[in-house]
Structures are given as structure tokens and as C-alpha cells.
Amino acid sequence: MRTYTWAKMLVGGAAMCIGGPALVYWVMPTEEELFKRYNPELQARSLANRQERQQEFDDFVGRLKGYSKSNKTVWAEWEQDAERRRKAGVQAELDRRQAEAIEAETRKAEMKKSLGSS
């Protein structure tokens, strides 16, 4: 009786450990099958953005490789880089706003000049 219980347990465990992943592999569609199910508009958009997404992924992997060369942990390097990027983004935003303000002042001065000479 005890051997029968062990045999059932081993067969059931093997069925779950082997059969479960096999079922998922059999049921899950491939990337090509999913792409074929898209409507034509989504297919065109996906093809148009493919190069950009690939470049973003390559940049991401390159940054991770750079982080791994440091003595610090990858997470610490990631946070430092994010802080540097945030500061650079804030500075770029400030520069852009300053340029827009100068441009607006220039337009305002031109408008005053053109109204004054009319």
C-alpha cells in the first residue's frame, strides 16, 4: 500500500513538473503569431517603432554594462546616473524656458517697434 502511494506521488509530481511547462509552451503563441493577429494599423506602427525600441534596448544594455564595471552595486550606479540625468533634464528645461522668454521679449519688442512706426 505504501509503495502505491509513493508511486502515485512520483507520477503526479512528474506530471506537474513536466506537463505544466509543456502545456504552457504548447499553448503560448509565438511572436510571429501574435504579430499576425494585430490589425494592419498596429502592424505598421510596430514596424515603424521597431528600430527605435531596439536602439533604446541597446542603450539600456550598454548603460548596464557600464554600471557593472564600477566597484559599486549596479543599483547605486543606476540611482546616481538617474540623478545626473534628472539634473541635466532640469537644466535643459531651464535653458529652454530662458530661450523662450528671450524669444518672447524679442517678439514683444518687434511688435512695439512695428506699432510705433505705423
PDB file of N, CA and C in Angstrom:
ATOM      1  N   MET A   1       0.818  -1.191   0.000  1.00  0.00           N
ATOM      2  CA  MET A   1       0.000   0.000   0.000  1.00  0.00           C
ATOM      3  C   MET A   1       0.868   1.264   0.000  1.00  0.00           C
ATOM      4  N   ARG A   2       1.942   1.235   0.802  1.00  0.00           N
ATOM      5  CA  ARG A   2       2.808   2.388   0.899  1.00  0.00           C
ATOM      6  C   ARG A   2       3.549   2.650  -0.428  1.00  0.00           C
ATOM      7  N   THR A   3       3.951   1.624  -1.115  1.00  0.00           N
ATOM      8  CA  THR A   3       4.625   1.757  -2.401  1.00  0.00           C
ATOM      9  C   THR A   3       3.684   2.363  -3.434  1.00  0.00           C
ATOM     10  N   TYR A   4       2.443   1.974  -3.393  1.00  0.00           N
ATOM     11  CA  TYR A   4       1.432   2.504  -4.310  1.00  0.00           C
ATOM     12  C   TYR A   4       1.271   4.015  -4.095  1.00  0.00           C
ATOM     13  N   THR A   5       1.266   4.487  -2.871  1.00  0.00           N
ATOM     14  CA  THR A   5       1.134   5.912  -2.563  1.00  0.00           C
ATOM     15  C   THR A   5       2.352   6.677  -3.076  1.00  0.00           C
ATOM     16  N   TRP A   6       3.541   6.130  -2.866  1.00  0.00           N
ATOM     17  CA  TRP A   6       4.748   6.770  -3.356  1.00  0.00           C
ATOM     18  C   TRP A   6       4.756   6.829  -4.890  1.00  0.00           C
ATOM     19  N   ALA A   7       4.319   5.780  -5.527  1.00  0.00           N
ATOM     20  CA  ALA A   7       4.273   5.752  -6.993  1.00  0.00           C
ATOM     21  C   ALA A   7       3.303   6.818  -7.499  1.00  0.00           C
ATOM     22  N   LYS A   8       2.128   6.943  -6.874  1.00  0.00           N
ATOM     23  CA  LYS A   8       1.158   7.972  -7.268  1.00  0.00           C
ATOM     24  C   LYS A   8       1.762   9.366  -7.093  1.00  0.00           C
ATOM     25  N   MET A   9       2.459   9.562  -5.981  1.00  0.00           N
ATOM     26  CA  MET A   9       3.061  10.859  -5.717  1.00  0.00           C
ATOM     27  C   MET A   9       4.122  11.191  -6.772  1.00  0.00           C
ATOM     28  N   LEU A  10       4.971  10.243  -7.109  1.00  0.00           N
ATOM     29  CA  LEU A  10       6.015  10.471  -8.108  1.00  0.00           C
ATOM     30  C   LEU A  10       5.428  10.731  -9.490  1.00  0.00           C
ATOM     31  N   VAL A  11       4.411   9.957  -9.865  1.00  0.00           N
ATOM     32  CA  VAL A  11       3.769  10.157 -11.173  1.00  0.00           C
ATOM     33  C   VAL A  11       3.075  11.514 -11.211  1.00  0.00           C
ATOM     34  N   GLY A  12       2.361  11.863 -10.146  1.00  0.00           N
ATOM     35  CA  GLY A  12       1.682  13.165 -10.096  1.00  0.00           C
ATOM     36  C   GLY A  12       2.667  14.319 -10.112  1.00  0.00           C
ATOM     37  N   GLY A  13       3.746  14.206  -9.353  1.00  0.00           N
ATOM     38  CA  GLY A  13       4.768  15.252  -9.337  1.00  0.00           C
ATOM     39  C   GLY A  13       5.436  15.413 -10.689  1.00  0.00           C
ATOM     40  N   ALA A  14       5.760  14.295 -11.325  1.00  0.00           N
ATOM     41  CA  ALA A  14       6.383  14.353 -12.653  1.00  0.00           C
ATOM     42  C   ALA A  14       5.424  14.973 -13.658  1.00  0.00           C
ATOM     43  N   ALA A  15       4.136  14.617 -13.560  1.00  0.00           N
ATOM     44  CA  ALA A  15       3.146  15.188 -14.478  1.00  0.00           C
ATOM     45  C   ALA A  15       3.063  16.699 -14.312  1.00  0.00           C
ATOM     46  N   MET A  16       3.100  17.167 -13.080  1.00  0.00           N
ATOM     47  CA  MET A  16       3.023  18.613 -12.843  1.00  0.00           C
ATOM     48  C   MET A  16       4.312  19.322 -13.248  1.00  0.00           C
ATOM     49  N   CYS A  17       5.460  18.747 -12.906  1.00  0.00           N
ATOM     50  CA  CYS A  17       6.738  19.393 -13.185  1.00  0.00           C
ATOM     51  C   CYS A  17       7.083  19.391 -14.670  1.00  0.00           C
ATOM     52  N   ILE A  18       6.686  18.368 -15.370  1.00  0.00           N
ATOM     53  CA  ILE A  18       6.991  18.268 -16.799  1.00  0.00           C
ATOM     54  C   ILE A  18       5.802  18.712 -17.634  1.00  0.00           C
ATOM     55  N   GLY A  19       4.622  18.280 -17.265  1.00  0.00           N
ATOM     56  CA  GLY A  19       3.430  18.582 -18.047  1.00  0.00           C
ATOM     57  C   GLY A  19       3.012  20.033 -17.994  1.00  0.00           C
ATOM     58  N   GLY A  20       3.177  20.698 -16.843  1.00  0.00           N
ATOM     59  CA  GLY A  20       2.782  22.111 -16.720  1.00  0.00           C
ATOM     60  C   GLY A  20       3.548  23.007 -17.677  1.00  0.00           C
ATOM     61  N   PRO A  21       4.875  23.011 -17.612  1.00  0.00           N
ATOM     62  CA  PRO A  21       5.630  23.837 -18.557  1.00  0.00           C
ATOM     63  C   PRO A  21       5.411  23.416 -20.021  1.00  0.00           C
ATOM     64  N   ALA A  22       5.242  22.119 -20.264  1.00  0.00           N
ATOM     65  CA  ALA A  22       4.996  21.670 -21.631  1.00  0.00           C
ATOM     66  C   ALA A  22       3.667  22.221 -22.140  1.00  0.00           C
ATOM     67  N   LEU A  23       2.644  22.223 -21.280  1.00  0.00           N
ATOM     68  CA  LEU A  23       1.339  22.770 -21.665  1.00  0.00           C
ATOM     69  C   LEU A  23       1.441  24.260 -21.957  1.00  0.00           C
ATOM     70  N   VAL A  24       2.161  24.998 -21.118  1.00  0.00           N
ATOM     71  CA  VAL A  24       2.332  26.434 -21.345  1.00  0.00           C
ATOM     72  C   VAL A  24       3.068  26.669 -22.658  1.00  0.00           C
ATOM     73  N   TYR A  25       4.116  25.914 -22.919  1.00  0.00           N
ATOM     74  CA  TYR A  25       4.876  26.057 -24.159  1.00  0.00           C
ATOM     75  C   TYR A  25       3.999  25.752 -25.368  1.00  0.00           C
ATOM     76  N   TRP A  26       3.134  24.755 -25.247  1.00  0.00           N
ATOM     77  CA  TRP A  26       2.275  24.350 -26.361  1.00  0.00           C
ATOM     78  C   TRP A  26       1.179  25.376 -26.609  1.00  0.00           C
ATOM     79  N   VAL A  27       0.651  25.988 -25.566  1.00  0.00           N
ATOM     80  CA  VAL A  27      -0.476  26.908 -25.688  1.00  0.00           C
ATOM     81  C   VAL A  27      -0.026  28.327 -26.056  1.00  0.00           C
ATOM     82  N   MET A  28       1.151  28.765 -25.586  1.00  0.00           N
ATOM     83  CA  MET A  28       1.583  30.137 -25.798  1.00  0.00           C
ATOM     84  C   MET A  28       1.927  30.381 -27.266  1.00  0.00           C
ATOM     85  N   PRO A  29       1.355  31.453 -27.868  1.00  0.00           N
ATOM     86  CA  PRO A  29       1.671  31.744 -29.277  1.00  0.00           C
ATOM     87  C   PRO A  29       3.071  32.350 -29.404  1.00  0.00           C
ATOM     88  N   THR A  30       3.649  32.197 -30.580  1.00  0.00           N
ATOM     89  CA  THR A  30       4.964  32.773 -30.847  1.00  0.00           C
ATOM     90  C   THR A  30       4.796  34.258 -31.164  1.00  0.00           C
ATOM     91  N   GLU A  31       5.911  34.978 -31.239  1.00  0.00           N
ATOM     92  CA  GLU A  31       5.856  36.403 -31.561  1.00  0.00           C
ATOM     93  C   GLU A  31       5.274  36.625 -32.958  1.00  0.00           C
ATOM     94  N   GLU A  32       5.606  35.764 -33.893  1.00  0.00           N
ATOM     95  CA  GLU A  32       5.087  35.902 -35.254  1.00  0.00           C
ATOM     96  C   GLU A  32       3.576  35.716 -35.287  1.00  0.00           C
ATOM     97  N   GLU A  33       3.070  34.736 -34.540  1.00  0.00           N
ATOM     98  CA  GLU A  33       1.626  34.512 -34.496  1.00  0.00           C
ATOM     99  C   GLU A  33       0.908  35.702 -33.868  1.00  0.00           C
ATOM    100  N   LEU A  34       1.489  36.263 -32.819  1.00  0.00           N
ATOM    101  CA  LEU A  34       0.888  37.454 -32.224  1.00  0.00           C
ATOM    102  C   LEU A  34       0.910  38.627 -33.193  1.00  0.00           C
ATOM    103  N   PHE A  35       2.010  38.806 -33.903  1.00  0.00           N
ATOM    104  CA  PHE A  35       2.126  39.907 -34.849  1.00  0.00           C
ATOM    105  C   PHE A  35       1.092  39.772 -35.966  1.00  0.00           C
ATOM    106  N   LYS A  36       0.854  38.549 -36.420  1.00  0.00           N
ATOM    107  CA  LYS A  36      -0.131  38.327 -37.482  1.00  0.00           C
ATOM    108  C   LYS A  36      -1.547  38.632 -37.013  1.00  0.00           C
ATOM    109  N   ARG A  37      -1.800  38.545 -35.696  1.00  0.00           N
ATOM    110  CA  ARG A  37      -3.129  38.834 -35.155  1.00  0.00           C
ATOM    111  C   ARG A  37      -3.396  40.330 -35.011  1.00  0.00           C
ATOM    112  N   TYR A  38      -2.347  41.156 -35.074  1.00  0.00           N
ATOM    113  CA  TYR A  38      -2.531  42.606 -34.999  1.00  0.00           C
ATOM    114  C   TYR A  38      -3.354  43.079 -36.181  1.00  0.00           C
ATOM    115  N   ASN A  39      -4.054  44.191 -35.999  1.00  0.00           N
ATOM    116  CA  ASN A  39      -4.697  44.785 -37.164  1.00  0.00           C
ATOM    117  C   ASN A  39      -3.604  45.493 -37.974  1.00  0.00           C
ATOM    118  N   PRO A  40      -3.855  45.780 -39.238  1.00  0.00           N
ATOM    119  CA  PRO A  40      -2.793  46.347 -40.100  1.00  0.00           C
ATOM    120  C   PRO A  40      -2.204  47.656 -39.571  1.00  0.00           C
ATOM    121  N   GLU A  41      -3.027  48.475 -38.927  1.00  0.00           N
ATOM    122  CA  GLU A  41      -2.522  49.742 -38.393  1.00  0.00           C
ATOM    123  C   GLU A  41      -1.490  49.494 -37.294  1.00  0.00           C
ATOM    124  N   LEU A  42      -1.774  48.557 -36.396  1.00  0.00           N
ATOM    125  CA  LEU A  42      -0.826  48.231 -35.326  1.00  0.00           C
ATOM    126  C   LEU A  42       0.435  47.578 -35.877  1.00  0.00           C
ATOM    127  N   GLN A  43       0.286  46.764 -36.914  1.00  0.00           N
ATOM    128  CA  GLN A  43       1.463  46.148 -37.534  1.00  0.00           C
ATOM    129  C   GLN A  43       2.379  47.224 -38.108  1.00  0.00           C
ATOM    130  N   ALA A  44       1.789  48.204 -38.808  1.00  0.00           N
ATOM    131  CA  ALA A  44       2.595  49.272 -39.399  1.00  0.00           C
ATOM    132  C   ALA A  44       3.278  50.097 -38.314  1.00  0.00           C
ATOM    133  N   ARG A  45       2.551  50.413 -37.240  1.00  0.00           N
ATOM    134  CA  ARG A  45       3.124  51.201 -36.149  1.00  0.00           C
ATOM    135  C   ARG A  45       4.243  50.418 -35.460  1.00  0.00           C
ATOM    136  N   SER A  46       4.033  49.119 -35.283  1.00  0.00           N
ATOM    137  CA  SER A  46       5.046  48.288 -34.642  1.00  0.00           C
ATOM    138  C   SER A  46       6.311  48.223 -35.489  1.00  0.00           C
ATOM    139  N   LEU A  47       6.136  48.071 -36.789  1.00  0.00           N
ATOM    140  CA  LEU A  47       7.304  48.036 -37.679  1.00  0.00           C
ATOM    141  C   LEU A  47       8.023  49.379 -37.706  1.00  0.00           C
ATOM    142  N   ALA A  48       7.252  50.473 -37.642  1.00  0.00           N
ATOM    143  CA  ALA A  48       7.860  51.804 -37.678  1.00  0.00           C
ATOM    144  C   ALA A  48       8.665  52.079 -36.408  1.00  0.00           C
ATOM    145  N   ASN A  49       8.197  51.591 -35.271  1.00  0.00           N
ATOM    146  CA  ASN A  49       8.866  51.863 -33.999  1.00  0.00           C
ATOM    147  C   ASN A  49       9.889  50.798 -33.612  1.00  0.00           C
ATOM    148  N   ARG A  50      10.034  49.769 -34.404  1.00  0.00           N
ATOM    149  CA  ARG A  50      10.928  48.663 -34.046  1.00  0.00           C
ATOM    150  C   ARG A  50      12.378  49.114 -33.898  1.00  0.00           C
ATOM    151  N   GLN A  51      12.850  49.915 -34.833  1.00  0.00           N
ATOM    152  CA  GLN A  51      14.242  50.365 -34.794  1.00  0.00           C
ATOM    153  C   GLN A  51      14.488  51.232 -33.554  1.00  0.00           C
ATOM    154  N   GLU A  52      13.532  52.104 -33.236  1.00  0.00           N
ATOM    155  CA  GLU A  52      13.677  52.971 -32.075  1.00  0.00           C
ATOM    156  C   GLU A  52      13.706  52.157 -30.777  1.00  0.00           C
ATOM    157  N   ARG A  53      12.823  51.188 -30.662  1.00  0.00           N
ATOM    158  CA  ARG A  53      12.793  50.345 -29.461  1.00  0.00           C
ATOM    159  C   ARG A  53      14.064  49.523 -29.342  1.00  0.00           C
ATOM    160  N   GLN A  54      14.576  49.034 -30.469  1.00  0.00           N
ATOM    161  CA  GLN A  54      15.821  48.269 -30.447  1.00  0.00           C
ATOM    162  C   GLN A  54      16.976  49.144 -29.994  1.00  0.00           C
ATOM    163  N   GLN A  55      17.017  50.393 -30.475  1.00  0.00           N
ATOM    164  CA  GLN A  55      18.079  51.313 -30.070  1.00  0.00           C
ATOM    165  C   GLN A  55      17.983  51.625 -28.577  1.00  0.00           C
ATOM    166  N   GLU A  56      16.756  51.835 -28.063  1.00  0.00           N
ATOM    167  CA  GLU A  56      16.575  52.084 -26.627  1.00  0.00           C
ATOM    168  C   GLU A  56      17.059  50.892 -25.807  1.00  0.00           C
ATOM    169  N   PHE A  57      16.752  49.691 -26.264  1.00  0.00           N
ATOM    170  CA  PHE A  57      17.195  48.495 -25.548  1.00  0.00           C
ATOM    171  C   PHE A  57      18.711  48.380 -25.570  1.00  0.00           C
ATOM    172  N   ASP A  58      19.329  48.655 -26.712  1.00  0.00           N
ATOM    173  CA  ASP A  58      20.786  48.589 -26.810  1.00  0.00           C
ATOM    174  C   ASP A  58      21.437  49.621 -25.889  1.00  0.00           C
ATOM    175  N   ASP A  59      20.863  50.827 -25.813  1.00  0.00           N
ATOM    176  CA  ASP A  59      21.380  51.848 -24.902  1.00  0.00           C
ATOM    177  C   ASP A  59      21.259  51.394 -23.458  1.00  0.00           C
ATOM    178  N   PHE A  60      20.119  50.798 -23.125  1.00  0.00           N
ATOM    179  CA  PHE A  60      19.887  50.290 -21.770  1.00  0.00           C
ATOM    180  C   PHE A  60      20.923  49.238 -21.402  1.00  0.00           C
ATOM    181  N   VAL A  61      21.162  48.288 -22.289  1.00  0.00           N
ATOM    182  CA  VAL A  61      22.137  47.226 -22.026  1.00  0.00           C
ATOM    183  C   VAL A  61      23.542  47.817 -21.917  1.00  0.00           C
ATOM    184  N   GLY A  62      23.848  48.795 -22.756  1.00  0.00           N
ATOM    185  CA  GLY A  62      25.157  49.442 -22.683  1.00  0.00           C
ATOM    186  C   GLY A  62      25.366  50.151 -21.353  1.00  0.00           C
ATOM    187  N   ARG A  63      24.322  50.846 -20.865  1.00  0.00           N
ATOM    188  CA  ARG A  63      24.433  51.511 -19.566  1.00  0.00           C
ATOM    189  C   ARG A  63      24.624  50.477 -18.459  1.00  0.00           C
ATOM    190  N   LEU A  64      23.876  49.360 -18.534  1.00  0.00           N
ATOM    191  CA  LEU A  64      24.039  48.323 -17.509  1.00  0.00           C
ATOM    192  C   LEU A  64      25.456  47.760 -17.511  1.00  0.00           C
ATOM    193  N   LYS A  65      26.028  47.564 -18.680  1.00  0.00           N
ATOM    194  CA  LYS A  65      27.405  47.071 -18.754  1.00  0.00           C
ATOM    195  C   LYS A  65      28.363  48.070 -18.127  1.00  0.00           C
ATOM    196  N   GLY A  66      28.111  49.350 -18.372  1.00  0.00           N
ATOM    197  CA  GLY A  66      28.947  50.384 -17.759  1.00  0.00           C
ATOM    198  C   GLY A  66      28.812  50.391 -16.249  1.00  0.00           C
ATOM    199  N   TYR A  67      27.585  50.217 -15.756  1.00  0.00           N
ATOM    200  CA  TYR A  67      27.360  50.179 -14.307  1.00  0.00           C
ATOM    201  C   TYR A  67      28.075  48.990 -13.684  1.00  0.00           C
ATOM    202  N   SER A  68      28.100  47.870 -14.376  1.00  0.00           N
ATOM    203  CA  SER A  68      28.689  46.659 -13.799  1.00  0.00           C
ATOM    204  C   SER A  68      30.212  46.763 -13.699  1.00  0.00           C
ATOM    205  N   LYS A  69      30.839  47.678 -14.434  1.00  0.00           N
ATOM    206  CA  LYS A  69      32.294  47.823 -14.377  1.00  0.00           C
ATOM    207  C   LYS A  69      32.747  48.568 -13.127  1.00  0.00           C
ATOM    208  N   SER A  70      31.815  49.249 -12.463  1.00  0.00           N
ATOM    209  CA  SER A  70      32.149  50.006 -11.261  1.00  0.00           C
ATOM    210  C   SER A  70      32.261  49.075 -10.061  1.00  0.00           C
ATOM    211  N   ASN A  71      32.932  49.552  -9.025  1.00  0.00           N
ATOM    212  CA  ASN A  71      33.041  48.787  -7.784  1.00  0.00           C
ATOM    213  C   ASN A  71      31.761  48.847  -6.975  1.00  0.00           C
ATOM    214  N   LYS A  72      30.915  49.828  -7.264  1.00  0.00           N
ATOM    215  CA  LYS A  72      29.649  49.974  -6.551  1.00  0.00           C
ATOM    216  C   LYS A  72      28.633  48.986  -7.110  1.00  0.00           C
ATOM    217  N   THR A  73      27.530  48.849  -6.378  1.00  0.00           N
ATOM    218  CA  THR A  73      26.479  47.973  -6.877  1.00  0.00           C
ATOM    219  C   THR A  73      25.812  48.613  -8.094  1.00  0.00           C
ATOM    220  N   VAL A  74      25.203  47.792  -8.902  1.00  0.00           N
ATOM    221  CA  VAL A  74      24.530  48.279 -10.101  1.00  0.00           C
ATOM    222  C   VAL A  74      23.420  49.250  -9.709  1.00  0.00           C
ATOM    223  N   TRP A  75      22.717  48.940  -8.598  1.00  0.00           N
ATOM    224  CA  TRP A  75      21.591  49.789  -8.188  1.00  0.00           C
ATOM    225  C   TRP A  75      22.073  51.171  -7.767  1.00  0.00           C
ATOM    226  N   ALA A  76      23.211  51.225  -7.064  1.00  0.00           N
ATOM    227  CA  ALA A  76      23.752  52.519  -6.642  1.00  0.00           C
ATOM    228  C   ALA A  76      24.175  53.337  -7.858  1.00  0.00           C
ATOM    229  N   GLU A  77      24.831  52.689  -8.799  1.00  0.00           N
ATOM    230  CA  GLU A  77      25.222  53.371 -10.036  1.00  0.00           C
ATOM    231  C   GLU A  77      24.002  53.852 -10.810  1.00  0.00           C
ATOM    232  N   TRP A  78      22.974  53.011 -10.845  1.00  0.00           N
ATOM    233  CA  TRP A  78      21.737  53.360 -11.549  1.00  0.00           C
ATOM    234  C   TRP A  78      21.122  54.624 -10.927  1.00  0.00           C
ATOM    235  N   GLU A  79      21.061  54.675  -9.608  1.00  0.00           N
ATOM    236  CA  GLU A  79      20.476  55.832  -8.933  1.00  0.00           C
ATOM    237  C   GLU A  79      21.309  57.086  -9.158  1.00  0.00           C
ATOM    238  N   GLN A  80      22.632  56.968  -9.133  1.00  0.00           N
ATOM    239  CA  GLN A  80      23.484  58.120  -9.393  1.00  0.00           C
ATOM    240  C   GLN A  80      23.297  58.625 -10.818  1.00  0.00           C
ATOM    241  N   ASP A  81      23.214  57.705 -11.768  1.00  0.00           N
ATOM    242  CA  ASP A  81      23.007  58.096 -13.155  1.00  0.00           C
ATOM    243  C   ASP A  81      21.634  58.738 -13.340  1.00  0.00           C
ATOM    244  N   ALA A  82      20.624  58.189 -12.672  1.00  0.00           N
ATOM    245  CA  ALA A  82      19.283  58.767 -12.764  1.00  0.00           C
ATOM    246  C   ALA A  82      19.284  60.185 -12.204  1.00  0.00           C
ATOM    247  N   GLU A  83      19.997  60.400 -11.117  1.00  0.00           N
ATOM    248  CA  GLU A  83      20.096  61.743 -10.530  1.00  0.00           C
ATOM    249  C   GLU A  83      20.819  62.696 -11.477  1.00  0.00           C
ATOM    250  N   ARG A  84      21.915  62.224 -12.097  1.00  0.00           N
ATOM    251  CA  ARG A  84      22.625  63.058 -13.071  1.00  0.00           C
ATOM    252  C   ARG A  84      21.727  63.399 -14.247  1.00  0.00           C
ATOM    253  N   ARG A  85      20.988  62.402 -14.743  1.00  0.00           N
ATOM    254  CA  ARG A  85      20.089  62.646 -15.873  1.00  0.00           C
ATOM    255  C   ARG A  85      18.972  63.610 -15.489  1.00  0.00           C
ATOM    256  N   ARG A  86      18.453  63.466 -14.267  1.00  0.00           N
ATOM    257  CA  ARG A  86      17.383  64.353 -13.816  1.00  0.00           C
ATOM    258  C   ARG A  86      17.884  65.787 -13.743  1.00  0.00           C
ATOM    259  N   LYS A  87      19.076  65.972 -13.163  1.00  0.00           N
ATOM    260  CA  LYS A  87      19.648  67.313 -13.076  1.00  0.00           C
ATOM    261  C   LYS A  87      19.913  67.887 -14.468  1.00  0.00           C
ATOM    262  N   ALA A  88      20.424  67.055 -15.380  1.00  0.00           N
ATOM    263  CA  ALA A  88      20.661  67.515 -16.746  1.00  0.00           C
ATOM    264  C   ALA A  88      19.337  67.879 -17.430  1.00  0.00           C
ATOM    265  N   GLY A  89      18.304  67.097 -17.163  1.00  0.00           N
ATOM    266  CA  GLY A  89      16.988  67.384 -17.740  1.00  0.00           C
ATOM    267  C   GLY A  89      16.405  68.666 -17.187  1.00  0.00           C
ATOM    268  N   VAL A  90      16.583  68.902 -15.889  1.00  0.00           N
ATOM    269  CA  VAL A  90      16.092  70.141 -15.270  1.00  0.00           C
ATOM    270  C   VAL A  90      16.843  71.328 -15.854  1.00  0.00           C
ATOM    271  N   GLN A  91      18.160  71.190 -15.995  1.00  0.00           N
ATOM    272  CA  GLN A  91      18.952  72.279 -16.563  1.00  0.00           C
ATOM    273  C   GLN A  91      18.551  72.542 -18.004  1.00  0.00           C
ATOM    274  N   ALA A  92      18.333  71.502 -18.773  1.00  0.00           N
ATOM    275  CA  ALA A  92      17.905  71.674 -20.165  1.00  0.00           C
ATOM    276  C   ALA A  92      16.545  72.359 -20.233  1.00  0.00           C
ATOM    277  N   GLU A  93      15.653  72.000 -19.315  1.00  0.00           N
ATOM    278  CA  GLU A  93      14.332  72.625 -19.270  1.00  0.00           C
ATOM    279  C   GLU A  93      14.454  74.108 -18.924  1.00  0.00           C
ATOM    280  N   LEU A  94      15.324  74.431 -17.959  1.00  0.00           N
ATOM    281  CA  LEU A  94      15.541  75.832 -17.603  1.00  0.00           C
ATOM    282  C   LEU A  94      16.122  76.608 -18.780  1.00  0.00           C
ATOM    283  N   ASP A  95      17.077  76.022 -19.479  1.00  0.00           N
ATOM    284  CA  ASP A  95      17.661  76.673 -20.654  1.00  0.00           C
ATOM    285  C   ASP A  95      16.612  76.899 -21.734  1.00  0.00           C
ATOM    286  N   ARG A  96      15.747  75.908 -21.932  1.00  0.00           N
ATOM    287  CA  ARG A  96      14.699  76.036 -22.948  1.00  0.00           C
ATOM    288  C   ARG A  96      13.725  77.148 -22.577  1.00  0.00           C
ATOM    289  N   ARG A  97      13.331  77.205 -21.305  1.00  0.00           N
ATOM    290  CA  ARG A  97      12.408  78.255 -20.855  1.00  0.00           C
ATOM    291  C   ARG A  97      13.039  79.633 -20.977  1.00  0.00           C
ATOM    292  N   GLN A  98      14.329  79.732 -20.660  1.00  0.00           N
ATOM    293  CA  GLN A  98      15.023  81.004 -20.779  1.00  0.00           C
ATOM    294  C   GLN A  98      15.077  81.442 -22.239  1.00  0.00           C
ATOM    295  N   ALA A  99      15.339  80.505 -23.143  1.00  0.00           N
ATOM    296  CA  ALA A  99      15.377  80.834 -24.564  1.00  0.00           C
ATOM    297  C   ALA A  99      13.995  81.281 -25.048  1.00  0.00           C
ATOM    298  N   GLU A 100      12.942  80.617 -24.571  1.00  0.00           N
ATOM    299  CA  GLU A 100      11.585  81.018 -24.947  1.00  0.00           C
ATOM    300  C   GLU A 100      11.264  82.409 -24.420  1.00  0.00           C
ATOM    301  N   ALA A 101      11.700  82.716 -23.205  1.00  0.00           N
ATOM    302  CA  ALA A 101      11.448  84.040 -22.640  1.00  0.00           C
ATOM    303  C   ALA A 101      12.168  85.114 -23.446  1.00  0.00           C
ATOM    304  N   ILE A 102      13.414  84.853 -23.826  1.00  0.00           N
ATOM    305  CA  ILE A 102      14.168  85.812 -24.642  1.00  0.00           C
ATOM    306  C   ILE A 102      13.482  86.004 -25.988  1.00  0.00           C
ATOM    307  N   GLU A 103      13.031  84.907 -26.582  1.00  0.00           N
ATOM    308  CA  GLU A 103      12.336  84.993 -27.867  1.00  0.00           C
ATOM    309  C   GLU A 103      11.036  85.785 -27.732  1.00  0.00           C
ATOM    310  N   ALA A 104      10.307  85.576 -26.641  1.00  0.00           N
ATOM    311  CA  ALA A 104       9.064  86.318 -26.420  1.00  0.00           C
ATOM    312  C   ALA A 104       9.343  87.801 -26.237  1.00  0.00           C
ATOM    313  N   GLU A 105      10.392  88.146 -25.500  1.00  0.00           N
ATOM    314  CA  GLU A 105      10.761  89.546 -25.321  1.00  0.00           C
ATOM    315  C   GLU A 105      11.155  90.173 -26.652  1.00  0.00           C
ATOM    316  N   THR A 106      11.882  89.424 -27.471  1.00  0.00           N
ATOM    317  CA  THR A 106      12.286  89.923 -28.781  1.00  0.00           C
ATOM    318  C   THR A 106      11.062  90.190 -29.646  1.00  0.00           C
ATOM    319  N   ARG A 107      10.106  89.259 -29.652  1.00  0.00           N
ATOM    320  CA  ARG A 107       8.879  89.460 -30.427  1.00  0.00           C
ATOM    321  C   ARG A 107       8.095  90.657 -29.915  1.00  0.00           C
ATOM    322  N   LYS A 108       8.046  90.787 -28.597  1.00  0.00           N
ATOM    323  CA  LYS A 108       7.313  91.908 -27.990  1.00  0.00           C
ATOM    324  C   LYS A 108       7.949  93.232 -28.409  1.00  0.00           C
ATOM    325  N   ALA A 109       9.283  93.274 -28.382  1.00  0.00           N
ATOM    326  CA  ALA A 109       9.992  94.497 -28.781  1.00  0.00           C
ATOM    327  C   ALA A 109       9.747  94.796 -30.253  1.00  0.00           C
ATOM    328  N   GLU A 110       9.748  93.781 -31.101  1.00  0.00           N
ATOM    329  CA  GLU A 110       9.488  93.975 -32.528  1.00  0.00           C
ATOM    330  C   GLU A 110       8.072  94.467 -32.761  1.00  0.00           C
ATOM    331  N   MET A 111       7.119  93.918 -31.985  1.00  0.00           N
ATOM    332  CA  MET A 111       5.742  94.362 -32.128  1.00  0.00           C
ATOM    333  C   MET A 111       5.596  95.833 -31.704  1.00  0.00           C
ATOM    334  N   LYS A 112       6.253  96.215 -30.602  1.00  0.00           N
ATOM    335  CA  LYS A 112       6.205  97.607 -30.165  1.00  0.00           C
ATOM    336  C   LYS A 112       6.822  98.533 -31.205  1.00  0.00           C
ATOM    337  N   LYS A 113       7.938  98.054 -31.783  1.00  0.00           N
ATOM    338  CA  LYS A 113       8.625  98.850 -32.785  1.00  0.00           C
ATOM    339  C   LYS A 113       7.752  99.022 -34.022  1.00  0.00           C
ATOM    340  N   SER A 114       7.103  97.916 -34.453  1.00  0.00           N
ATOM    341  CA  SER A 114       6.263  97.995 -35.642  1.00  0.00           C
ATOM    342  C   SER A 114       5.008  98.818 -35.390  1.00  0.00           C
ATOM    343  N   LEU A 115       4.448  98.795 -34.191  1.00  0.00           N
ATOM    344  CA  LEU A 115       3.275  99.607 -33.856  1.00  0.00           C
ATOM    345  C   LEU A 115       3.657 101.069 -33.725  1.00  0.00           C
ATOM    346  N   GLY A 116       4.829 101.333 -33.218  1.00  0.00           N
ATOM    347  CA  GLY A 116       5.288 102.713 -33.044  1.00  0.00           C
ATOM    348  C   GLY A 116       5.610 103.370 -34.370  1.00  0.00           C
ATOM    349  N   SER A 117       6.081 102.634 -35.354  1.00  0.00           N
ATOM    350  CA  SER A 117       6.448 103.212 -36.644  1.00  0.00           C
ATOM    351  C   SER A 117       5.270 103.309 -37.598  1.00  0.00           C
ATOM    352  N   SER A 118       4.133 102.713 -37.288  1.00  0.00           N
ATOM    353  CA  SER A 118       2.965 102.757 -38.174  1.00  0.00           C
ATOM    354  C   SER A 118       2.274 104.071 -38.179  1.00  0.00           C
TER     355      SER A 118
END
